[in-house]
Amino acid sequence: MQIGIDAPNERIAAQVDQLLSFGLSGLAHKIEHVRVRFRRQIDPLGDPLHLCCVHVSLYSRQSIDIHEIQVDPTLAITRALDRAARSIRRVERLRRLNSTV
């Protein structure tokens, strides 16, 4: 599994790497590449938000894109990776069901 991280600082990059190794470790044999990007945004009231974009390319030639916006960058990456893991499991489950039909 190849990993690419585009984070605003080293602290967040290290945190993303740790969460990736924990959150997607059981699915690593299905994942070809993971790309995680962060962007800061401002909401309509002027408060800062953190957008976390996760792009996962699977060996089955399917891809998954997750976008999560939160006030806290740790919460954004945690939720995005959780959603990515659930989506990978769902895609693989549907692929197995379709191959048996």
PDB file of N, CA and C in Angstrom:
ATOM      1  N   MET A   1       0.855  -1.168   0.000  1.00  0.00           N
ATOM      2  CA  MET A   1       0.000   0.000   0.000  1.00  0.00           C
ATOM      3  C   MET A   1       0.904   1.235   0.000  1.00  0.00           C
ATOM      4  N   GLN A   2       0.745   2.063  -1.017  1.00  0.00           N
ATOM      5  CA  GLN A   2       1.481   3.320  -1.095  1.00  0.00           C
ATOM      6  C   GLN A   2       0.651   4.404  -0.416  1.00  0.00           C
ATOM      7  N   ILE A   3       1.337   5.304   0.280  1.00  0.00           N
ATOM      8  CA  ILE A   3       0.653   6.357   1.026  1.00  0.00           C
ATOM      9  C   ILE A   3       1.216   7.710   0.627  1.00  0.00           C
ATOM     10  N   GLY A   4       0.318   8.651   0.334  1.00  0.00           N
ATOM     11  CA  GLY A   4       0.700  10.032   0.077  1.00  0.00           C
ATOM     12  C   GLY A   4      -0.071  10.940   1.017  1.00  0.00           C
ATOM     13  N   ILE A   5       0.648  11.822   1.706  1.00  0.00           N
ATOM     14  CA  ILE A   5       0.016  12.712   2.683  1.00  0.00           C
ATOM     15  C   ILE A   5       0.404  14.145   2.363  1.00  0.00           C
ATOM     16  N   ASP A   6      -0.602  14.986   2.184  1.00  0.00           N
ATOM     17  CA  ASP A   6      -0.395  16.415   1.956  1.00  0.00           C
ATOM     18  C   ASP A   6      -1.013  17.144   3.146  1.00  0.00           C
ATOM     19  N   ALA A   7      -0.196  17.389   4.173  1.00  0.00           N
ATOM     20  CA  ALA A   7      -0.681  18.001   5.413  1.00  0.00           C
ATOM     21  C   ALA A   7      -0.014  19.359   5.616  1.00  0.00           C
ATOM     22  N   PRO A   8      -0.673  20.253   6.351  1.00  0.00           N
ATOM     23  CA  PRO A   8      -0.120  21.595   6.549  1.00  0.00           C
ATOM     24  C   PRO A   8       1.129  21.634   7.427  1.00  0.00           C
ATOM     25  N   ASN A   9       1.325  20.609   8.280  1.00  0.00           N
ATOM     26  CA  ASN A   9       2.532  20.573   9.112  1.00  0.00           C
ATOM     27  C   ASN A   9       2.896  19.129   9.444  1.00  0.00           C
ATOM     28  N   GLU A  10       4.092  18.959  10.002  1.00  0.00           N
ATOM     29  CA  GLU A  10       4.603  17.616  10.296  1.00  0.00           C
ATOM     30  C   GLU A  10       3.807  16.908  11.387  1.00  0.00           C
ATOM     31  N   ARG A  11       3.281  17.658  12.340  1.00  0.00           N
ATOM     32  CA  ARG A  11       2.506  17.046  13.420  1.00  0.00           C
ATOM     33  C   ARG A  11       1.269  16.351  12.866  1.00  0.00           C
ATOM     34  N   ILE A  12       0.559  17.034  11.984  1.00  0.00           N
ATOM     35  CA  ILE A  12      -0.643  16.443  11.387  1.00  0.00           C
ATOM     36  C   ILE A  12      -0.259  15.293  10.465  1.00  0.00           C
ATOM     37  N   ALA A  13       0.840  15.427   9.722  1.00  0.00           N
ATOM     38  CA  ALA A  13       1.286  14.345   8.837  1.00  0.00           C
ATOM     39  C   ALA A  13       1.604  13.085   9.640  1.00  0.00           C
ATOM     40  N   ALA A  14       2.280  13.229  10.775  1.00  0.00           N
ATOM     41  CA  ALA A  14       2.595  12.075  11.621  1.00  0.00           C
ATOM     42  C   ALA A  14       1.326  11.458  12.196  1.00  0.00           C
ATOM     43  N   GLN A  15       0.381  12.302  12.569  1.00  0.00           N
ATOM     44  CA  GLN A  15      -0.886  11.812  13.106  1.00  0.00           C
ATOM     45  C   GLN A  15      -1.663  11.050  12.034  1.00  0.00           C
ATOM     46  N   VAL A  16      -1.679  11.575  10.812  1.00  0.00           N
ATOM     47  CA  VAL A  16      -2.358  10.900   9.705  1.00  0.00           C
ATOM     48  C   VAL A  16      -1.711   9.549   9.448  1.00  0.00           C
ATOM     49  N   ASP A  17      -0.384   9.502   9.438  1.00  0.00           N
ATOM     50  CA  ASP A  17       0.322   8.249   9.196  1.00  0.00           C
ATOM     51  C   ASP A  17      -0.029   7.214  10.261  1.00  0.00           C
ATOM     52  N   GLN A  18      -0.078   7.638  11.519  1.00  0.00           N
ATOM     53  CA  GLN A  18      -0.431   6.731  12.602  1.00  0.00           C
ATOM     54  C   GLN A  18      -1.875   6.241  12.464  1.00  0.00           C
ATOM     55  N   LEU A  19      -2.793   7.147  12.165  1.00  0.00           N
ATOM     56  CA  LEU A  19      -4.198   6.757  12.008  1.00  0.00           C
ATOM     57  C   LEU A  19      -4.400   5.862  10.791  1.00  0.00           C
ATOM     58  N   LEU A  20      -3.646   6.106   9.719  1.00  0.00           N
ATOM     59  CA  LEU A  20      -3.733   5.245   8.537  1.00  0.00           C
ATOM     60  C   LEU A  20      -3.280   3.830   8.871  1.00  0.00           C
ATOM     61  N   SER A  21      -2.157   3.710   9.565  1.00  0.00           N
ATOM     62  CA  SER A  21      -1.651   2.377   9.890  1.00  0.00           C
ATOM     63  C   SER A  21      -2.608   1.633  10.816  1.00  0.00           C
ATOM     64  N   PHE A  22      -3.305   2.355  11.661  1.00  0.00           N
ATOM     65  CA  PHE A  22      -4.270   1.722  12.557  1.00  0.00           C
ATOM     66  C   PHE A  22      -5.602   1.456  11.856  1.00  0.00           C
ATOM     67  N   GLY A  23      -6.125   2.455  11.150  1.00  0.00           N
ATOM     68  CA  GLY A  23      -7.469   2.364  10.592  1.00  0.00           C
ATOM     69  C   GLY A  23      -7.616   1.485   9.367  1.00  0.00           C
ATOM     70  N   LEU A  24      -6.566   1.395   8.557  1.00  0.00           N
ATOM     71  CA  LEU A  24      -6.666   0.631   7.315  1.00  0.00           C
ATOM     72  C   LEU A  24      -5.750  -0.587   7.291  1.00  0.00           C
ATOM     73  N   SER A  25      -5.154  -0.941   8.423  1.00  0.00           N
ATOM     74  CA  SER A  25      -4.174  -2.032   8.445  1.00  0.00           C
ATOM     75  C   SER A  25      -4.779  -3.368   8.020  1.00  0.00           C
ATOM     76  N   GLY A  26      -5.987  -3.653   8.420  1.00  0.00           N
ATOM     77  CA  GLY A  26      -6.617  -4.911   8.041  1.00  0.00           C
ATOM     78  C   GLY A  26      -7.052  -4.966   6.588  1.00  0.00           C
ATOM     79  N   LEU A  27      -7.035  -3.825   5.914  1.00  0.00           N
ATOM     80  CA  LEU A  27      -7.467  -3.754   4.517  1.00  0.00           C
ATOM     81  C   LEU A  27      -6.309  -3.478   3.568  1.00  0.00           C
ATOM     82  N   ALA A  28      -5.087  -3.477   4.076  1.00  0.00           N
ATOM     83  CA  ALA A  28      -3.917  -3.087   3.277  1.00  0.00           C
ATOM     84  C   ALA A  28      -3.735  -3.967   2.046  1.00  0.00           C
ATOM     85  N   HIS A  29      -4.097  -5.241   2.115  1.00  0.00           N
ATOM     86  CA  HIS A  29      -3.925  -6.139   0.969  1.00  0.00           C
ATOM     87  C   HIS A  29      -4.896  -5.823  -0.171  1.00  0.00           C
ATOM     88  N   LYS A  30      -5.915  -5.012   0.080  1.00  0.00           N
ATOM     89  CA  LYS A  30      -6.873  -4.626  -0.958  1.00  0.00           C
ATOM     90  C   LYS A  30      -6.570  -3.248  -1.540  1.00  0.00           C
ATOM     91  N   ILE A  31      -5.710  -2.487  -0.861  1.00  0.00           N
ATOM     92  CA  ILE A  31      -5.461  -1.089  -1.222  1.00  0.00           C
ATOM     93  C   ILE A  31      -4.152  -0.961  -1.989  1.00  0.00           C
ATOM     94  N   GLU A  32      -4.232  -0.319  -3.134  1.00  0.00           N
ATOM     95  CA  GLU A  32      -3.034  -0.049  -3.922  1.00  0.00           C
ATOM     96  C   GLU A  32      -2.395   1.273  -3.495  1.00  0.00           C
ATOM     97  N   HIS A  33      -3.220   2.313  -3.333  1.00  0.00           N
ATOM     98  CA  HIS A  33      -2.692   3.645  -3.029  1.00  0.00           C
ATOM     99  C   HIS A  33      -3.708   4.433  -2.204  1.00  0.00           C
ATOM    100  N   VAL A  34      -3.207   5.191  -1.230  1.00  0.00           N
ATOM    101  CA  VAL A  34      -4.040   6.094  -0.423  1.00  0.00           C
ATOM    102  C   VAL A  34      -3.427   7.481  -0.500  1.00  0.00           C
ATOM    103  N   ARG A  35      -4.259   8.469  -0.777  1.00  0.00           N
ATOM    104  CA  ARG A  35      -3.807   9.865  -0.818  1.00  0.00           C
ATOM    105  C   ARG A  35      -4.683  10.658   0.141  1.00  0.00           C
ATOM    106  N   VAL A  36      -4.058  11.355   1.096  1.00  0.00           N
ATOM    107  CA  VAL A  36      -4.778  12.163   2.081  1.00  0.00           C
ATOM    108  C   VAL A  36      -4.334  13.610   1.913  1.00  0.00           C
ATOM    109  N   ARG A  37      -5.309  14.508   1.733  1.00  0.00           N
ATOM    110  CA  ARG A  37      -5.023  15.937   1.568  1.00  0.00           C
ATOM    111  C   ARG A  37      -5.820  16.733   2.590  1.00  0.00           C
ATOM    112  N   PHE A  38      -5.219  17.817   3.048  1.00  0.00           N
ATOM    113  CA  PHE A  38      -5.884  18.736   3.969  1.00  0.00           C
ATOM    114  C   PHE A  38      -5.955  20.110   3.345  1.00  0.00           C
ATOM    115  N   ARG A  39      -7.065  20.781   3.589  1.00  0.00           N
ATOM    116  CA  ARG A  39      -7.226  22.174   3.183  1.00  0.00           C
ATOM    117  C   ARG A  39      -7.945  22.900   4.309  1.00  0.00           C
ATOM    118  N   ARG A  40      -7.546  24.121   4.534  1.00  0.00           N
ATOM    119  CA  ARG A  40      -8.260  24.966   5.503  1.00  0.00           C
ATOM    120  C   ARG A  40      -9.300  25.765   4.751  1.00  0.00           C
ATOM    121  N   GLN A  41     -10.464  25.861   5.334  1.00  0.00           N
ATOM    122  CA  GLN A  41     -11.549  26.633   4.754  1.00  0.00           C
ATOM    123  C   GLN A  41     -12.143  27.524   5.837  1.00  0.00           C
ATOM    124  N   ILE A  42     -12.879  28.500   5.400  1.00  0.00           N
ATOM    125  CA  ILE A  42     -13.566  29.398   6.321  1.00  0.00           C
ATOM    126  C   ILE A  42     -15.065  29.237   6.087  1.00  0.00           C
ATOM    127  N   ASP A  43     -15.805  29.015   7.176  1.00  0.00           N
ATOM    128  CA  ASP A  43     -17.255  28.889   7.022  1.00  0.00           C
ATOM    129  C   ASP A  43     -17.876  30.281   6.864  1.00  0.00           C
ATOM    130  N   PRO A  44     -19.179  30.358   6.556  1.00  0.00           N
ATOM    131  CA  PRO A  44     -19.823  31.657   6.324  1.00  0.00           C
ATOM    132  C   PRO A  44     -19.742  32.629   7.510  1.00  0.00           C
ATOM    133  N   LEU A  45     -19.545  32.106   8.720  1.00  0.00           N
ATOM    134  CA  LEU A  45     -19.442  32.970   9.896  1.00  0.00           C
ATOM    135  C   LEU A  45     -18.001  33.394  10.180  1.00  0.00           C
ATOM    136  N   GLY A  46     -17.060  32.918   9.371  1.00  0.00           N
ATOM    137  CA  GLY A  46     -15.664  33.297   9.536  1.00  0.00           C
ATOM    138  C   GLY A  46     -14.837  32.360  10.395  1.00  0.00           C
ATOM    139  N   ASP A  47     -15.407  31.235  10.805  1.00  0.00           N
ATOM    140  CA  ASP A  47     -14.665  30.275  11.625  1.00  0.00           C
ATOM    141  C   ASP A  47     -13.850  29.337  10.736  1.00  0.00           C
ATOM    142  N   PRO A  48     -12.653  28.946  11.182  1.00  0.00           N
ATOM    143  CA  PRO A  48     -11.827  28.039  10.368  1.00  0.00           C
ATOM    144  C   PRO A  48     -12.349  26.607  10.423  1.00  0.00           C
ATOM    145  N   LEU A  49     -12.306  25.949   9.289  1.00  0.00           N
ATOM    146  CA  LEU A  49     -12.687  24.545   9.175  1.00  0.00           C
ATOM    147  C   LEU A  49     -11.544  23.788   8.508  1.00  0.00           C
ATOM    148  N   HIS A  50     -11.505  22.476   8.726  1.00  0.00           N
ATOM    149  CA  HIS A  50     -10.479  21.633   8.128  1.00  0.00           C
ATOM    150  C   HIS A  50     -11.160  20.611   7.222  1.00  0.00           C
ATOM    151  N   LEU A  51     -10.801  20.640   5.953  1.00  0.00           N
ATOM    152  CA  LEU A  51     -11.319  19.688   4.979  1.00  0.00           C
ATOM    153  C   LEU A  51     -10.283  18.593   4.801  1.00  0.00           C
ATOM    154  N   CYS A  52     -10.690  17.359   4.999  1.00  0.00           N
ATOM    155  CA  CYS A  52      -9.823  16.208   4.791  1.00  0.00           C
ATOM    156  C   CYS A  52     -10.374  15.417   3.611  1.00  0.00           C
ATOM    157  N   CYS A  53      -9.557  15.241   2.588  1.00  0.00           N
ATOM    158  CA  CYS A  53      -9.938  14.474   1.399  1.00  0.00           C
ATOM    159  C   CYS A  53      -9.105  13.202   1.368  1.00  0.00           C
ATOM    160  N   VAL A  54      -9.765  12.059   1.280  1.00  0.00           N
ATOM    161  CA  VAL A  54      -9.086  10.770   1.213  1.00  0.00           C
ATOM    162  C   VAL A  54      -9.467  10.113  -0.105  1.00  0.00           C
ATOM    163  N   HIS A  55      -8.455   9.759  -0.889  1.00  0.00           N
ATOM    164  CA  HIS A  55      -8.671   9.046  -2.148  1.00  0.00           C
ATOM    165  C   HIS A  55      -7.993   7.688  -2.013  1.00  0.00           C
ATOM    166  N   VAL A  56      -8.758   6.616  -2.207  1.00  0.00           N
ATOM    167  CA  VAL A  56      -8.242   5.254  -2.083  1.00  0.00           C
ATOM    168  C   VAL A  56      -8.398   4.556  -3.427  1.00  0.00           C
ATOM    169  N   SER A  57      -7.298   4.023  -3.942  1.00  0.00           N
ATOM    170  CA  SER A  57      -7.327   3.205  -5.157  1.00  0.00           C
ATOM    171  C   SER A  57      -7.161   1.751  -4.734  1.00  0.00           C
ATOM    172  N   LEU A  58      -8.100   0.916  -5.146  1.00  0.00           N
ATOM    173  CA  LEU A  58      -8.066  -0.497  -4.783  1.00  0.00           C
ATOM    174  C   LEU A  58      -7.420  -1.314  -5.894  1.00  0.00           C
ATOM    175  N   TYR A  59      -6.915  -2.498  -5.538  1.00  0.00           N
ATOM    176  CA  TYR A  59      -6.346  -3.392  -6.543  1.00  0.00           C
ATOM    177  C   TYR A  59      -7.414  -3.885  -7.513  1.00  0.00           C
ATOM    178  N   SER A  60      -8.672  -3.834  -7.107  1.00  0.00           N
ATOM    179  CA  SER A  60      -9.771  -4.258  -7.983  1.00  0.00           C
ATOM    180  C   SER A  60     -10.131  -3.171  -8.996  1.00  0.00           C
ATOM    181  N   ARG A  61      -9.285  -2.136  -9.108  1.00  0.00           N
ATOM    182  CA  ARG A  61      -9.436  -1.027 -10.068  1.00  0.00           C
ATOM    183  C   ARG A  61     -10.621  -0.121  -9.757  1.00  0.00           C
ATOM    184  N   GLN A  62     -11.082  -0.151  -8.542  1.00  0.00           N
ATOM    185  CA  GLN A  62     -12.114   0.780  -8.105  1.00  0.00           C
ATOM    186  C   GLN A  62     -11.457   1.838  -7.233  1.00  0.00           C
ATOM    187  N   SER A  63     -12.110   2.984  -7.130  1.00  0.00           N
ATOM    188  CA  SER A  63     -11.563   4.035  -6.273  1.00  0.00           C
ATOM    189  C   SER A  63     -12.668   4.602  -5.389  1.00  0.00           C
ATOM    190  N   ILE A  64     -12.243   5.137  -4.264  1.00  0.00           N
ATOM    191  CA  ILE A  64     -13.158   5.694  -3.274  1.00  0.00           C
ATOM    192  C   ILE A  64     -12.653   7.081  -2.912  1.00  0.00           C
ATOM    193  N   ASP A  65     -13.557   8.055  -2.916  1.00  0.00           N
ATOM    194  CA  ASP A  65     -13.228   9.423  -2.519  1.00  0.00           C
ATOM    195  C   ASP A  65     -14.103   9.818  -1.337  1.00  0.00           C
ATOM    196  N   ILE A  66     -13.466  10.287  -0.287  1.00  0.00           N
ATOM    197  CA  ILE A  66     -14.162  10.717   0.921  1.00  0.00           C
ATOM    198  C   ILE A  66     -13.745  12.148   1.219  1.00  0.00           C
ATOM    199  N   HIS A  67     -14.715  12.999   1.545  1.00  0.00           N
ATOM    200  CA  HIS A  67     -14.456  14.383   1.940  1.00  0.00           C
ATOM    201  C   HIS A  67     -15.143  14.616   3.281  1.00  0.00           C
ATOM    202  N   GLU A  68     -14.385  15.106   4.243  1.00  0.00           N
ATOM    203  CA  GLU A  68     -14.918  15.354   5.585  1.00  0.00           C
ATOM    204  C   GLU A  68     -14.481  16.739   6.046  1.00  0.00           C
ATOM    205  N   ILE A  69     -15.433  17.545   6.503  1.00  0.00           N
ATOM    206  CA  ILE A  69     -15.141  18.887   7.009  1.00  0.00           C
ATOM    207  C   ILE A  69     -15.494  18.928   8.491  1.00  0.00           C
ATOM    208  N   GLN A  70     -14.523  19.352   9.304  1.00  0.00           N
ATOM    209  CA  GLN A  70     -14.720  19.458  10.744  1.00  0.00           C
ATOM    210  C   GLN A  70     -13.943  20.659  11.271  1.00  0.00           C
ATOM    211  N   VAL A  71     -14.251  21.064  12.477  1.00  0.00           N
ATOM    212  CA  VAL A  71     -13.521  22.153  13.127  1.00  0.00           C
ATOM    213  C   VAL A  71     -12.140  21.668  13.571  1.00  0.00           C
ATOM    214  N   ASP A  72     -12.056  20.420  13.998  1.00  0.00           N
ATOM    215  CA  ASP A  72     -10.812  19.834  14.496  1.00  0.00           C
ATOM    216  C   ASP A  72     -10.186  18.946  13.415  1.00  0.00           C
ATOM    217  N   PRO A  73      -8.906  19.139  13.063  1.00  0.00           N
ATOM    218  CA  PRO A  73      -8.295  18.316  12.016  1.00  0.00           C
ATOM    219  C   PRO A  73      -8.213  16.839  12.392  1.00  0.00           C
ATOM    220  N   THR A  74      -8.020  16.534  13.672  1.00  0.00           N
ATOM    221  CA  THR A  74      -7.970  15.135  14.103  1.00  0.00           C
ATOM    222  C   THR A  74      -9.314  14.460  13.890  1.00  0.00           C
ATOM    223  N   LEU A  75     -10.377  15.152  14.207  1.00  0.00           N
ATOM    224  CA  LEU A  75     -11.715  14.611  13.998  1.00  0.00           C
ATOM    225  C   LEU A  75     -11.995  14.419  12.510  1.00  0.00           C
ATOM    226  N   ALA A  76     -11.552  15.352  11.690  1.00  0.00           N
ATOM    227  CA  ALA A  76     -11.767  15.246  10.245  1.00  0.00           C
ATOM    228  C   ALA A  76     -11.083  14.007   9.680  1.00  0.00           C
ATOM    229  N   ILE A  77      -9.817  13.771  10.034  1.00  0.00           N
ATOM    230  CA  ILE A  77      -9.111  12.607   9.496  1.00  0.00           C
ATOM    231  C   ILE A  77      -9.663  11.311  10.073  1.00  0.00           C
ATOM    232  N   THR A  78     -10.011  11.309  11.358  1.00  0.00           N
ATOM    233  CA  THR A  78     -10.555  10.095  11.971  1.00  0.00           C
ATOM    234  C   THR A  78     -11.857   9.685  11.299  1.00  0.00           C
ATOM    235  N   ARG A  79     -12.746  10.634  11.108  1.00  0.00           N
ATOM    236  CA  ARG A  79     -14.031  10.317  10.466  1.00  0.00           C
ATOM    237  C   ARG A  79     -13.852   9.948   8.998  1.00  0.00           C
ATOM    238  N   ALA A  80     -12.961  10.642   8.303  1.00  0.00           N
ATOM    239  CA  ALA A  80     -12.734  10.336   6.889  1.00  0.00           C
ATOM    240  C   ALA A  80     -12.171   8.926   6.723  1.00  0.00           C
ATOM    241  N   LEU A  81     -11.213   8.539   7.557  1.00  0.00           N
ATOM    242  CA  LEU A  81     -10.635   7.197   7.456  1.00  0.00           C
ATOM    243  C   LEU A  81     -11.627   6.124   7.867  1.00  0.00           C
ATOM    244  N   ASP A  82     -12.468   6.413   8.847  1.00  0.00           N
ATOM    245  CA  ASP A  82     -13.503   5.463   9.244  1.00  0.00           C
ATOM    246  C   ASP A  82     -14.482   5.241   8.093  1.00  0.00           C
ATOM    247  N   ARG A  83     -14.891   6.324   7.450  1.00  0.00           N
ATOM    248  CA  ARG A  83     -15.799   6.207   6.305  1.00  0.00           C
ATOM    249  C   ARG A  83     -15.129   5.480   5.146  1.00  0.00           C
ATOM    250  N   ALA A  84     -13.838   5.734   4.932  1.00  0.00           N
ATOM    251  CA  ALA A  84     -13.111   5.058   3.856  1.00  0.00           C
ATOM    252  C   ALA A  84     -13.047   3.554   4.118  1.00  0.00           C
ATOM    253  N   ALA A  85     -12.749   3.162   5.351  1.00  0.00           N
ATOM    254  CA  ALA A  85     -12.680   1.738   5.691  1.00  0.00           C
ATOM    255  C   ALA A  85     -14.029   1.059   5.490  1.00  0.00           C
ATOM    256  N   ARG A  86     -15.103   1.711   5.919  1.00  0.00           N
ATOM    257  CA  ARG A  86     -16.444   1.136   5.714  1.00  0.00           C
ATOM    258  C   ARG A  86     -16.763   1.019   4.233  1.00  0.00           C
ATOM    259  N   SER A  87     -16.375   2.023   3.449  1.00  0.00           N
ATOM    260  CA  SER A  87     -16.641   1.992   2.007  1.00  0.00           C
ATOM    261  C   SER A  87     -15.859   0.881   1.324  1.00  0.00           C
ATOM    262  N   ILE A  88     -14.614   0.675   1.729  1.00  0.00           N
ATOM    263  CA  ILE A  88     -13.809  -0.409   1.147  1.00  0.00           C
ATOM    264  C   ILE A  88     -14.456  -1.746   1.444  1.00  0.00           C
ATOM    265  N   ARG A  89     -14.874  -1.944   2.685  1.00  0.00           N
ATOM    266  CA  ARG A  89     -15.536  -3.209   3.037  1.00  0.00           C
ATOM    267  C   ARG A  89     -16.822  -3.400   2.238  1.00  0.00           C
ATOM    268  N   ARG A  90     -17.582  -2.322   2.048  1.00  0.00           N
ATOM    269  CA  ARG A  90     -18.825  -2.404   1.284  1.00  0.00           C
ATOM    270  C   ARG A  90     -18.548  -2.756  -0.177  1.00  0.00           C
ATOM    271  N   VAL A  91     -17.565  -2.106  -0.781  1.00  0.00           N
ATOM    272  CA  VAL A  91     -17.216  -2.374  -2.181  1.00  0.00           C
ATOM    273  C   VAL A  91     -16.772  -3.824  -2.346  1.00  0.00           C
ATOM    274  N   GLU A  92     -15.945  -4.304  -1.445  1.00  0.00           N
ATOM    275  CA  GLU A  92     -15.474  -5.690  -1.535  1.00  0.00           C
ATOM    276  C   GLU A  92     -16.613  -6.685  -1.313  1.00  0.00           C
ATOM    277  N   ARG A  93     -17.513  -6.374  -0.387  1.00  0.00           N
ATOM    278  CA  ARG A  93     -18.662  -7.248  -0.144  1.00  0.00           C
ATOM    279  C   ARG A  93     -19.552  -7.316  -1.381  1.00  0.00           C
ATOM    280  N   LEU A  94     -19.822  -6.169  -2.014  1.00  0.00           N
ATOM    281  CA  LEU A  94     -20.644  -6.151  -3.230  1.00  0.00           C
ATOM    282  C   LEU A  94     -19.950  -6.864  -4.382  1.00  0.00           C
ATOM    283  N   ARG A  95     -18.634  -6.720  -4.462  1.00  0.00           N
ATOM    284  CA  ARG A  95     -17.882  -7.402  -5.519  1.00  0.00           C
ATOM    285  C   ARG A  95     -17.975  -8.919  -5.352  1.00  0.00           C
ATOM    286  N   ARG A  96     -17.870  -9.391  -4.103  1.00  0.00           N
ATOM    287  CA  ARG A  96     -17.999 -10.832  -3.855  1.00  0.00           C
ATOM    288  C   ARG A  96     -19.408 -11.322  -4.177  1.00  0.00           C
ATOM    289  N   LEU A  97     -20.432 -10.536  -3.809  1.00  0.00           N
ATOM    290  CA  LEU A  97     -21.809 -10.931  -4.104  1.00  0.00           C
ATOM    291  C   LEU A  97     -22.056 -10.997  -5.608  1.00  0.00           C
ATOM    292  N   ASN A  98     -21.543 -10.023  -6.344  1.00  0.00           N
ATOM    293  CA  ASN A  98     -21.736 -10.003  -7.795  1.00  0.00           C
ATOM    294  C   ASN A  98     -20.965 -11.108  -8.494  1.00  0.00           C
ATOM    295  N   SER A  99     -19.854 -11.536  -7.931  1.00  0.00           N
ATOM    296  CA  SER A  99     -19.076 -12.593  -8.576  1.00  0.00           C
ATOM    297  C   SER A  99     -19.703 -13.966  -8.351  1.00  0.00           C
ATOM    298  N   THR A 100     -20.556 -14.118  -7.333  1.00  0.00           N
ATOM    299  CA  THR A 100     -21.202 -15.403  -7.081  1.00  0.00           C
ATOM    300  C   THR A 100     -22.510 -15.552  -7.848  1.00  0.00           C
ATOM    301  N   VAL A 101     -23.027 -14.464  -8.385  1.00  0.00           N
ATOM    302  CA  VAL A 101     -24.310 -14.510  -9.100  1.00  0.00           C
ATOM    303  C   VAL A 101     -24.101 -14.938 -10.522  1.00  0.00           C
TER     304      VAL A 101
END
